[in-house]
Amino acid sequence: MPVEIKKIKVKLVFHDWVRMGNSIYNTEEGLELSSGDFHSGTTFKGEIELDEWNAFDLAEAFKKDAWPAFYLIPGEDAK
């Protein structure tokens, strides 16, 4: 049986600038990067694709006021 893919609309809330897993938010470079729209709390609209099981797990987590946090990693074509 084929797996159904669901598209879920999401809000991406900017949290921090990081390098190698460490925050650079309070560095000179981090402050410069934060002078535009990419600063703590800025929200962007997005969409993710989930299979039906992951969509169910996510909906159950939302019912418990829990949500996942992600890193944004550019794809090969975004470099």
PDB file of N, CA and C in Angstrom:
ATOM      1  N   MET A   1       0.844  -1.175   0.000  1.00  0.00           N
ATOM      2  CA  MET A   1       0.000   0.000   0.000  1.00  0.00           C
ATOM      3  C   MET A   1       0.892   1.242   0.000  1.00  0.00           C
ATOM      4  N   PRO A   2       0.640   2.203  -0.897  1.00  0.00           N
ATOM      5  CA  PRO A   2       1.460   3.415  -0.958  1.00  0.00           C
ATOM      6  C   PRO A   2       1.276   4.279   0.295  1.00  0.00           C
ATOM      7  N   VAL A   3       2.336   4.963   0.656  1.00  0.00           N
ATOM      8  CA  VAL A   3       2.300   5.866   1.808  1.00  0.00           C
ATOM      9  C   VAL A   3       1.797   7.223   1.344  1.00  0.00           C
ATOM     10  N   GLU A   4       0.801   7.748   2.035  1.00  0.00           N
ATOM     11  CA  GLU A   4       0.251   9.067   1.703  1.00  0.00           C
ATOM     12  C   GLU A   4       1.170  10.153   2.251  1.00  0.00           C
ATOM     13  N   ILE A   5       1.498  11.120   1.415  1.00  0.00           N
ATOM     14  CA  ILE A   5       2.326  12.248   1.834  1.00  0.00           C
ATOM     15  C   ILE A   5       1.407  13.445   2.076  1.00  0.00           C
ATOM     16  N   LYS A   6       1.566  14.054   3.235  1.00  0.00           N
ATOM     17  CA  LYS A   6       0.764  15.224   3.589  1.00  0.00           C
ATOM     18  C   LYS A   6       1.667  16.454   3.602  1.00  0.00           C
ATOM     19  N   LYS A   7       1.165  17.540   3.038  1.00  0.00           N
ATOM     20  CA  LYS A   7       1.868  18.814   3.121  1.00  0.00           C
ATOM     21  C   LYS A   7       1.294  19.577   4.302  1.00  0.00           C
ATOM     22  N   ILE A   8       2.157  19.994   5.192  1.00  0.00           N
ATOM     23  CA  ILE A   8       1.757  20.698   6.405  1.00  0.00           C
ATOM     24  C   ILE A   8       2.316  22.119   6.348  1.00  0.00           C
ATOM     25  N   LYS A   9       1.452  23.116   6.456  1.00  0.00           N
ATOM     26  CA  LYS A   9       1.914  24.509   6.504  1.00  0.00           C
ATOM     27  C   LYS A   9       2.490  24.766   7.894  1.00  0.00           C
ATOM     28  N   VAL A  10       3.625  25.441   7.939  1.00  0.00           N
ATOM     29  CA  VAL A  10       4.311  25.703   9.202  1.00  0.00           C
ATOM     30  C   VAL A  10       4.771  27.153   9.256  1.00  0.00           C
ATOM     31  N   LYS A  11       5.023  27.617  10.460  1.00  0.00           N
ATOM     32  CA  LYS A  11       5.691  28.892  10.663  1.00  0.00           C
ATOM     33  C   LYS A  11       7.105  28.577  11.126  1.00  0.00           C
ATOM     34  N   LEU A  12       8.073  29.182  10.485  1.00  0.00           N
ATOM     35  CA  LEU A  12       9.474  29.024  10.862  1.00  0.00           C
ATOM     36  C   LEU A  12       9.860  30.256  11.676  1.00  0.00           C
ATOM     37  N   VAL A  13      10.155  30.062  12.944  1.00  0.00           N
ATOM     38  CA  VAL A  13      10.494  31.168  13.837  1.00  0.00           C
ATOM     39  C   VAL A  13      12.002  31.189  14.025  1.00  0.00           C
ATOM     40  N   PHE A  14      12.627  32.273  13.571  1.00  0.00           N
ATOM     41  CA  PHE A  14      14.080  32.369  13.689  1.00  0.00           C
ATOM     42  C   PHE A  14      14.485  32.413  15.162  1.00  0.00           C
ATOM     43  N   HIS A  15      15.513  31.647  15.494  1.00  0.00           N
ATOM     44  CA  HIS A  15      15.946  31.548  16.888  1.00  0.00           C
ATOM     45  C   HIS A  15      17.363  32.068  17.107  1.00  0.00           C
ATOM     46  N   ASP A  16      18.323  31.670  16.277  1.00  0.00           N
ATOM     47  CA  ASP A  16      19.715  31.954  16.598  1.00  0.00           C
ATOM     48  C   ASP A  16      20.586  31.774  15.365  1.00  0.00           C
ATOM     49  N   TRP A  17      21.728  32.405  15.366  1.00  0.00           N
ATOM     50  CA  TRP A  17      22.779  32.129  14.394  1.00  0.00           C
ATOM     51  C   TRP A  17      23.757  31.169  15.051  1.00  0.00           C
ATOM     52  N   VAL A  18      24.082  30.073  14.379  1.00  0.00           N
ATOM     53  CA  VAL A  18      25.008  29.088  14.945  1.00  0.00           C
ATOM     54  C   VAL A  18      26.076  28.708  13.929  1.00  0.00           C
ATOM     55  N   ARG A  19      27.214  28.293  14.450  1.00  0.00           N
ATOM     56  CA  ARG A  19      28.294  27.730  13.648  1.00  0.00           C
ATOM     57  C   ARG A  19      28.831  26.528  14.410  1.00  0.00           C
ATOM     58  N   MET A  20      28.872  25.403  13.734  1.00  0.00           N
ATOM     59  CA  MET A  20      29.363  24.164  14.360  1.00  0.00           C
ATOM     60  C   MET A  20      28.632  23.867  15.667  1.00  0.00           C
ATOM     61  N   GLY A  21      27.336  24.175  15.705  1.00  0.00           N
ATOM     62  CA  GLY A  21      26.516  23.884  16.869  1.00  0.00           C
ATOM     63  C   GLY A  21      26.593  24.906  17.989  1.00  0.00           C
ATOM     64  N   ASN A  22      27.371  25.967  17.815  1.00  0.00           N
ATOM     65  CA  ASN A  22      27.524  26.983  18.861  1.00  0.00           C
ATOM     66  C   ASN A  22      26.954  28.320  18.395  1.00  0.00           C
ATOM     67  N   SER A  23      26.284  29.004  19.301  1.00  0.00           N
ATOM     68  CA  SER A  23      25.695  30.300  18.991  1.00  0.00           C
ATOM     69  C   SER A  23      26.773  31.330  18.682  1.00  0.00           C
ATOM     70  N   ILE A  24      26.523  32.116  17.622  1.00  0.00           N
ATOM     71  CA  ILE A  24      27.383  33.269  17.332  1.00  0.00           C
ATOM     72  C   ILE A  24      26.559  34.553  17.418  1.00  0.00           C
ATOM     73  N   TYR A  25      25.375  34.450  18.015  1.00  0.00           N
ATOM     74  CA  TYR A  25      24.433  35.566  18.064  1.00  0.00           C
ATOM     75  C   TYR A  25      25.035  36.810  18.711  1.00  0.00           C
ATOM     76  N   ASN A  26      25.799  36.637  19.777  1.00  0.00           N
ATOM     77  CA  ASN A  26      26.351  37.782  20.513  1.00  0.00           C
ATOM     78  C   ASN A  26      27.779  38.119  20.098  1.00  0.00           C
ATOM     79  N   THR A  27      28.171  37.710  18.901  1.00  0.00           N
ATOM     80  CA  THR A  27      29.483  38.087  18.380  1.00  0.00           C
ATOM     81  C   THR A  27      29.296  39.237  17.400  1.00  0.00           C
ATOM     82  N   GLU A  28      30.393  39.846  16.993  1.00  0.00           N
ATOM     83  CA  GLU A  28      30.313  40.933  16.006  1.00  0.00           C
ATOM     84  C   GLU A  28      29.642  40.433  14.724  1.00  0.00           C
ATOM     85  N   GLU A  29      30.030  39.245  14.270  1.00  0.00           N
ATOM     86  CA  GLU A  29      29.421  38.681  13.063  1.00  0.00           C
ATOM     87  C   GLU A  29      27.938  38.389  13.267  1.00  0.00           C
ATOM     88  N   GLY A  30      27.583  37.820  14.417  1.00  0.00           N
ATOM     89  CA  GLY A  30      26.196  37.519  14.716  1.00  0.00           C
ATOM     90  C   GLY A  30      25.336  38.764  14.785  1.00  0.00           C
ATOM     91  N   LEU A  31      25.873  39.829  15.374  1.00  0.00           N
ATOM     92  CA  LEU A  31      25.134  41.089  15.446  1.00  0.00           C
ATOM     93  C   LEU A  31      24.915  41.674  14.052  1.00  0.00           C
ATOM     94  N   GLU A  32      25.934  41.555  13.192  1.00  0.00           N
ATOM     95  CA  GLU A  32      25.789  42.047  11.813  1.00  0.00           C
ATOM     96  C   GLU A  32      24.729  41.226  11.071  1.00  0.00           C
ATOM     97  N   LEU A  33      24.771  39.900  11.216  1.00  0.00           N
ATOM     98  CA  LEU A  33      23.790  39.041  10.556  1.00  0.00           C
ATOM     99  C   LEU A  33      22.372  39.315  11.074  1.00  0.00           C
ATOM    100  N   SER A  34      22.251  39.703  12.327  1.00  0.00           N
ATOM    101  CA  SER A  34      20.945  39.933  12.952  1.00  0.00           C
ATOM    102  C   SER A  34      20.365  41.303  12.652  1.00  0.00           C
ATOM    103  N   SER A  35      21.085  42.131  11.912  1.00  0.00           N
ATOM    104  CA  SER A  35      20.593  43.484  11.642  1.00  0.00           C
ATOM    105  C   SER A  35      19.472  43.500  10.608  1.00  0.00           C
ATOM    106  N   GLY A  36      19.263  42.393   9.897  1.00  0.00           N
ATOM    107  CA  GLY A  36      18.175  42.304   8.918  1.00  0.00           C
ATOM    108  C   GLY A  36      16.988  41.560   9.503  1.00  0.00           C
ATOM    109  N   ASP A  37      16.309  40.812   8.673  1.00  0.00           N
ATOM    110  CA  ASP A  37      15.126  40.068   9.115  1.00  0.00           C
ATOM    111  C   ASP A  37      15.449  38.818   9.912  1.00  0.00           C
ATOM    112  N   PHE A  38      16.690  38.359   9.848  1.00  0.00           N
ATOM    113  CA  PHE A  38      17.049  37.145  10.580  1.00  0.00           C
ATOM    114  C   PHE A  38      17.526  37.487  11.986  1.00  0.00           C
ATOM    115  N   HIS A  39      16.569  37.805  12.859  1.00  0.00           N
ATOM    116  CA  HIS A  39      16.860  38.023  14.263  1.00  0.00           C
ATOM    117  C   HIS A  39      15.815  37.275  15.086  1.00  0.00           C
ATOM    118  N   SER A  40      16.121  37.057  16.330  1.00  0.00           N
ATOM    119  CA  SER A  40      15.285  36.216  17.196  1.00  0.00           C
ATOM    120  C   SER A  40      13.822  36.618  17.153  1.00  0.00           C
ATOM    121  N   GLY A  41      12.958  35.656  16.823  1.00  0.00           N
ATOM    122  CA  GLY A  41      11.526  35.879  16.815  1.00  0.00           C
ATOM    123  C   GLY A  41      10.913  36.154  15.453  1.00  0.00           C
ATOM    124  N   THR A  42      11.731  36.468  14.447  1.00  0.00           N
ATOM    125  CA  THR A  42      11.185  36.696  13.110  1.00  0.00           C
ATOM    126  C   THR A  42      10.519  35.418  12.614  1.00  0.00           C
ATOM    127  N   THR A  43       9.345  35.544  12.014  1.00  0.00           N
ATOM    128  CA  THR A  43       8.580  34.379  11.560  1.00  0.00           C
ATOM    129  C   THR A  43       8.454  34.380  10.042  1.00  0.00           C
ATOM    130  N   PHE A  44       8.677  33.212   9.452  1.00  0.00           N
ATOM    131  CA  PHE A  44       8.538  33.003   8.014  1.00  0.00           C
ATOM    132  C   PHE A  44       7.513  31.900   7.797  1.00  0.00           C
ATOM    133  N   LYS A  45       6.817  31.949   6.670  1.00  0.00           N
ATOM    134  CA  LYS A  45       5.872  30.891   6.320  1.00  0.00           C
ATOM    135  C   LYS A  45       6.619  29.802   5.561  1.00  0.00           C
ATOM    136  N   GLY A  46       6.231  28.540   5.801  1.00  0.00           N
ATOM    137  CA  GLY A  46       6.865  27.435   5.110  1.00  0.00           C
ATOM    138  C   GLY A  46       5.915  26.262   4.979  1.00  0.00           C
ATOM    139  N   GLU A  47       6.432  25.198   4.416  1.00  0.00           N
ATOM    140  CA  GLU A  47       5.632  23.994   4.213  1.00  0.00           C
ATOM    141  C   GLU A  47       6.575  22.800   4.264  1.00  0.00           C
ATOM    142  N   ILE A  48       6.152  21.736   4.918  1.00  0.00           N
ATOM    143  CA  ILE A  48       6.931  20.506   4.973  1.00  0.00           C
ATOM    144  C   ILE A  48       6.066  19.355   4.485  1.00  0.00           C
ATOM    145  N   GLU A  49       6.710  18.310   4.001  1.00  0.00           N
ATOM    146  CA  GLU A  49       6.007  17.122   3.562  1.00  0.00           C
ATOM    147  C   GLU A  49       6.276  16.004   4.563  1.00  0.00           C
ATOM    148  N   LEU A  50       5.205  15.366   5.037  1.00  0.00           N
ATOM    149  CA  LEU A  50       5.316  14.283   6.009  1.00  0.00           C
ATOM    150  C   LEU A  50       4.515  13.087   5.521  1.00  0.00           C
ATOM    151  N   ASP A  51       4.997  11.896   5.849  1.00  0.00           N
ATOM    152  CA  ASP A  51       4.147  10.748   5.565  1.00  0.00           C
ATOM    153  C   ASP A  51       3.046  10.717   6.623  1.00  0.00           C
ATOM    154  N   GLU A  52       2.058   9.876   6.409  1.00  0.00           N
ATOM    155  CA  GLU A  52       0.882   9.889   7.288  1.00  0.00           C
ATOM    156  C   GLU A  52       1.228   9.586   8.745  1.00  0.00           C
ATOM    157  N   TRP A  53       2.243   8.758   8.990  1.00  0.00           N
ATOM    158  CA  TRP A  53       2.600   8.417  10.368  1.00  0.00           C
ATOM    159  C   TRP A  53       3.270   9.596  11.069  1.00  0.00           C
ATOM    160  N   ASN A  54       4.180  10.271  10.352  1.00  0.00           N
ATOM    161  CA  ASN A  54       4.823  11.446  10.949  1.00  0.00           C
ATOM    162  C   ASN A  54       3.822  12.577  11.163  1.00  0.00           C
ATOM    163  N   ALA A  55       2.873  12.737  10.240  1.00  0.00           N
ATOM    164  CA  ALA A  55       1.834  13.759  10.399  1.00  0.00           C
ATOM    165  C   ALA A  55       0.991  13.462  11.642  1.00  0.00           C
ATOM    166  N   PHE A  56       0.681  12.188  11.859  1.00  0.00           N
ATOM    167  CA  PHE A  56      -0.090  11.793  13.045  1.00  0.00           C
ATOM    168  C   PHE A  56       0.711  12.079  14.321  1.00  0.00           C
ATOM    169  N   ASP A  57       1.996  11.684  14.329  1.00  0.00           N
ATOM    170  CA  ASP A  57       2.844  11.925  15.507  1.00  0.00           C
ATOM    171  C   ASP A  57       2.936  13.416  15.827  1.00  0.00           C
ATOM    172  N   LEU A  58       3.067  14.233  14.788  1.00  0.00           N
ATOM    173  CA  LEU A  58       3.168  15.673  14.989  1.00  0.00           C
ATOM    174  C   LEU A  58       1.866  16.235  15.559  1.00  0.00           C
ATOM    175  N   ALA A  59       0.738  15.794  15.034  1.00  0.00           N
ATOM    176  CA  ALA A  59      -0.562  16.249  15.537  1.00  0.00           C
ATOM    177  C   ALA A  59      -0.737  15.860  17.006  1.00  0.00           C
ATOM    178  N   GLU A  60      -0.302  14.664  17.367  1.00  0.00           N
ATOM    179  CA  GLU A  60      -0.400  14.225  18.768  1.00  0.00           C
ATOM    180  C   GLU A  60       0.494  15.079  19.669  1.00  0.00           C
ATOM    181  N   ALA A  61       1.671  15.415  19.199  1.00  0.00           N
ATOM    182  CA  ALA A  61       2.575  16.266  19.983  1.00  0.00           C
ATOM    183  C   ALA A  61       1.969  17.647  20.196  1.00  0.00           C
ATOM    184  N   PHE A  62       1.359  18.207  19.139  1.00  0.00           N
ATOM    185  CA  PHE A  62       0.733  19.522  19.256  1.00  0.00           C
ATOM    186  C   PHE A  62      -0.368  19.513  20.314  1.00  0.00           C
ATOM    187  N   LYS A  63      -1.102  18.421  20.419  1.00  0.00           N
ATOM    188  CA  LYS A  63      -2.163  18.310  21.427  1.00  0.00           C
ATOM    189  C   LYS A  63      -1.587  18.401  22.837  1.00  0.00           C
ATOM    190  N   LYS A  64      -0.306  18.053  22.985  1.00  0.00           N
ATOM    191  CA  LYS A  64       0.372  18.083  24.289  1.00  0.00           C
ATOM    192  C   LYS A  64       1.220  19.346  24.449  1.00  0.00           C
ATOM    193  N   ASP A  65       0.981  20.332  23.567  1.00  0.00           N
ATOM    194  CA  ASP A  65       1.737  21.589  23.581  1.00  0.00           C
ATOM    195  C   ASP A  65       3.240  21.379  23.422  1.00  0.00           C
ATOM    196  N   ALA A  66       3.611  20.386  22.629  1.00  0.00           N
ATOM    197  CA  ALA A  66       5.024  20.137  22.318  1.00  0.00           C
ATOM    198  C   ALA A  66       5.207  20.316  20.816  1.00  0.00           C
ATOM    199  N   TRP A  67       6.361  20.841  20.414  1.00  0.00           N
ATOM    200  CA  TRP A  67       6.641  20.981  18.995  1.00  0.00           C
ATOM    201  C   TRP A  67       8.127  20.773  18.761  1.00  0.00           C
ATOM    202  N   PRO A  68       8.476  20.303  17.567  1.00  0.00           N
ATOM    203  CA  PRO A  68       9.887  20.072  17.258  1.00  0.00           C
ATOM    204  C   PRO A  68      10.583  21.378  16.884  1.00  0.00           C
ATOM    205  N   ALA A  69      11.879  21.427  17.103  1.00  0.00           N
ATOM    206  CA  ALA A  69      12.696  22.555  16.671  1.00  0.00           C
ATOM    207  C   ALA A  69      13.714  22.009  15.671  1.00  0.00           C
ATOM    208  N   PHE A  70      13.948  22.758  14.591  1.00  0.00           N
ATOM    209  CA  PHE A  70      14.813  22.292  13.515  1.00  0.00           C
ATOM    210  C   PHE A  70      15.943  23.268  13.248  1.00  0.00           C
ATOM    211  N   TYR A  71      17.004  22.742  12.654  1.00  0.00           N
ATOM    212  CA  TYR A  71      18.020  23.580  12.039  1.00  0.00           C
ATOM    213  C   TYR A  71      17.642  23.723  10.570  1.00  0.00           C
ATOM    214  N   LEU A  72      17.921  24.839   9.972  1.00  0.00           N
ATOM    215  CA  LEU A  72      17.710  25.058   8.547  1.00  0.00           C
ATOM    216  C   LEU A  72      19.043  24.802   7.857  1.00  0.00           C
ATOM    217  N   ILE A  73      19.088  23.801   6.991  1.00  0.00           N
ATOM    218  CA  ILE A  73      20.307  23.440   6.296  1.00  0.00           C
ATOM    219  C   ILE A  73      20.041  23.561   4.801  1.00  0.00           C
ATOM    220  N   PRO A  74      20.819  24.348   4.078  1.00  0.00           N
ATOM    221  CA  PRO A  74      20.564  24.518   2.657  1.00  0.00           C
ATOM    222  C   PRO A  74      20.777  23.217   1.890  1.00  0.00           C
ATOM    223  N   GLY A  75      19.961  23.020   0.866  1.00  0.00           N
ATOM    224  CA  GLY A  75      20.123  21.863  -0.005  1.00  0.00           C
ATOM    225  C   GLY A  75      21.255  22.074  -0.978  1.00  0.00           C
ATOM    226  N   GLU A  76      21.584  21.026  -1.714  1.00  0.00           N
ATOM    227  CA  GLU A  76      22.677  21.103  -2.677  1.00  0.00           C
ATOM    228  C   GLU A  76      22.473  22.237  -3.681  1.00  0.00           C
ATOM    229  N   ASP A  77      21.228  22.461  -4.105  1.00  0.00           N
ATOM    230  CA  ASP A  77      20.977  23.507  -5.098  1.00  0.00           C
ATOM    231  C   ASP A  77      20.896  24.900  -4.489  1.00  0.00           C
ATOM    232  N   ALA A  78      20.991  25.000  -3.164  1.00  0.00           N
ATOM    233  CA  ALA A  78      20.897  26.313  -2.495  1.00  0.00           C
ATOM    234  C   ALA A  78      22.268  26.914  -2.232  1.00  0.00           C
ATOM    235  N   LYS A  79      23.324  26.195  -2.527  1.00  0.00           N
ATOM    236  CA  LYS A  79      24.684  26.704  -2.244  1.00  0.00           C
ATOM    237  C   LYS A  79      25.113  27.753  -3.228  1.00  0.00           C
TER     238      LYS A  79
END
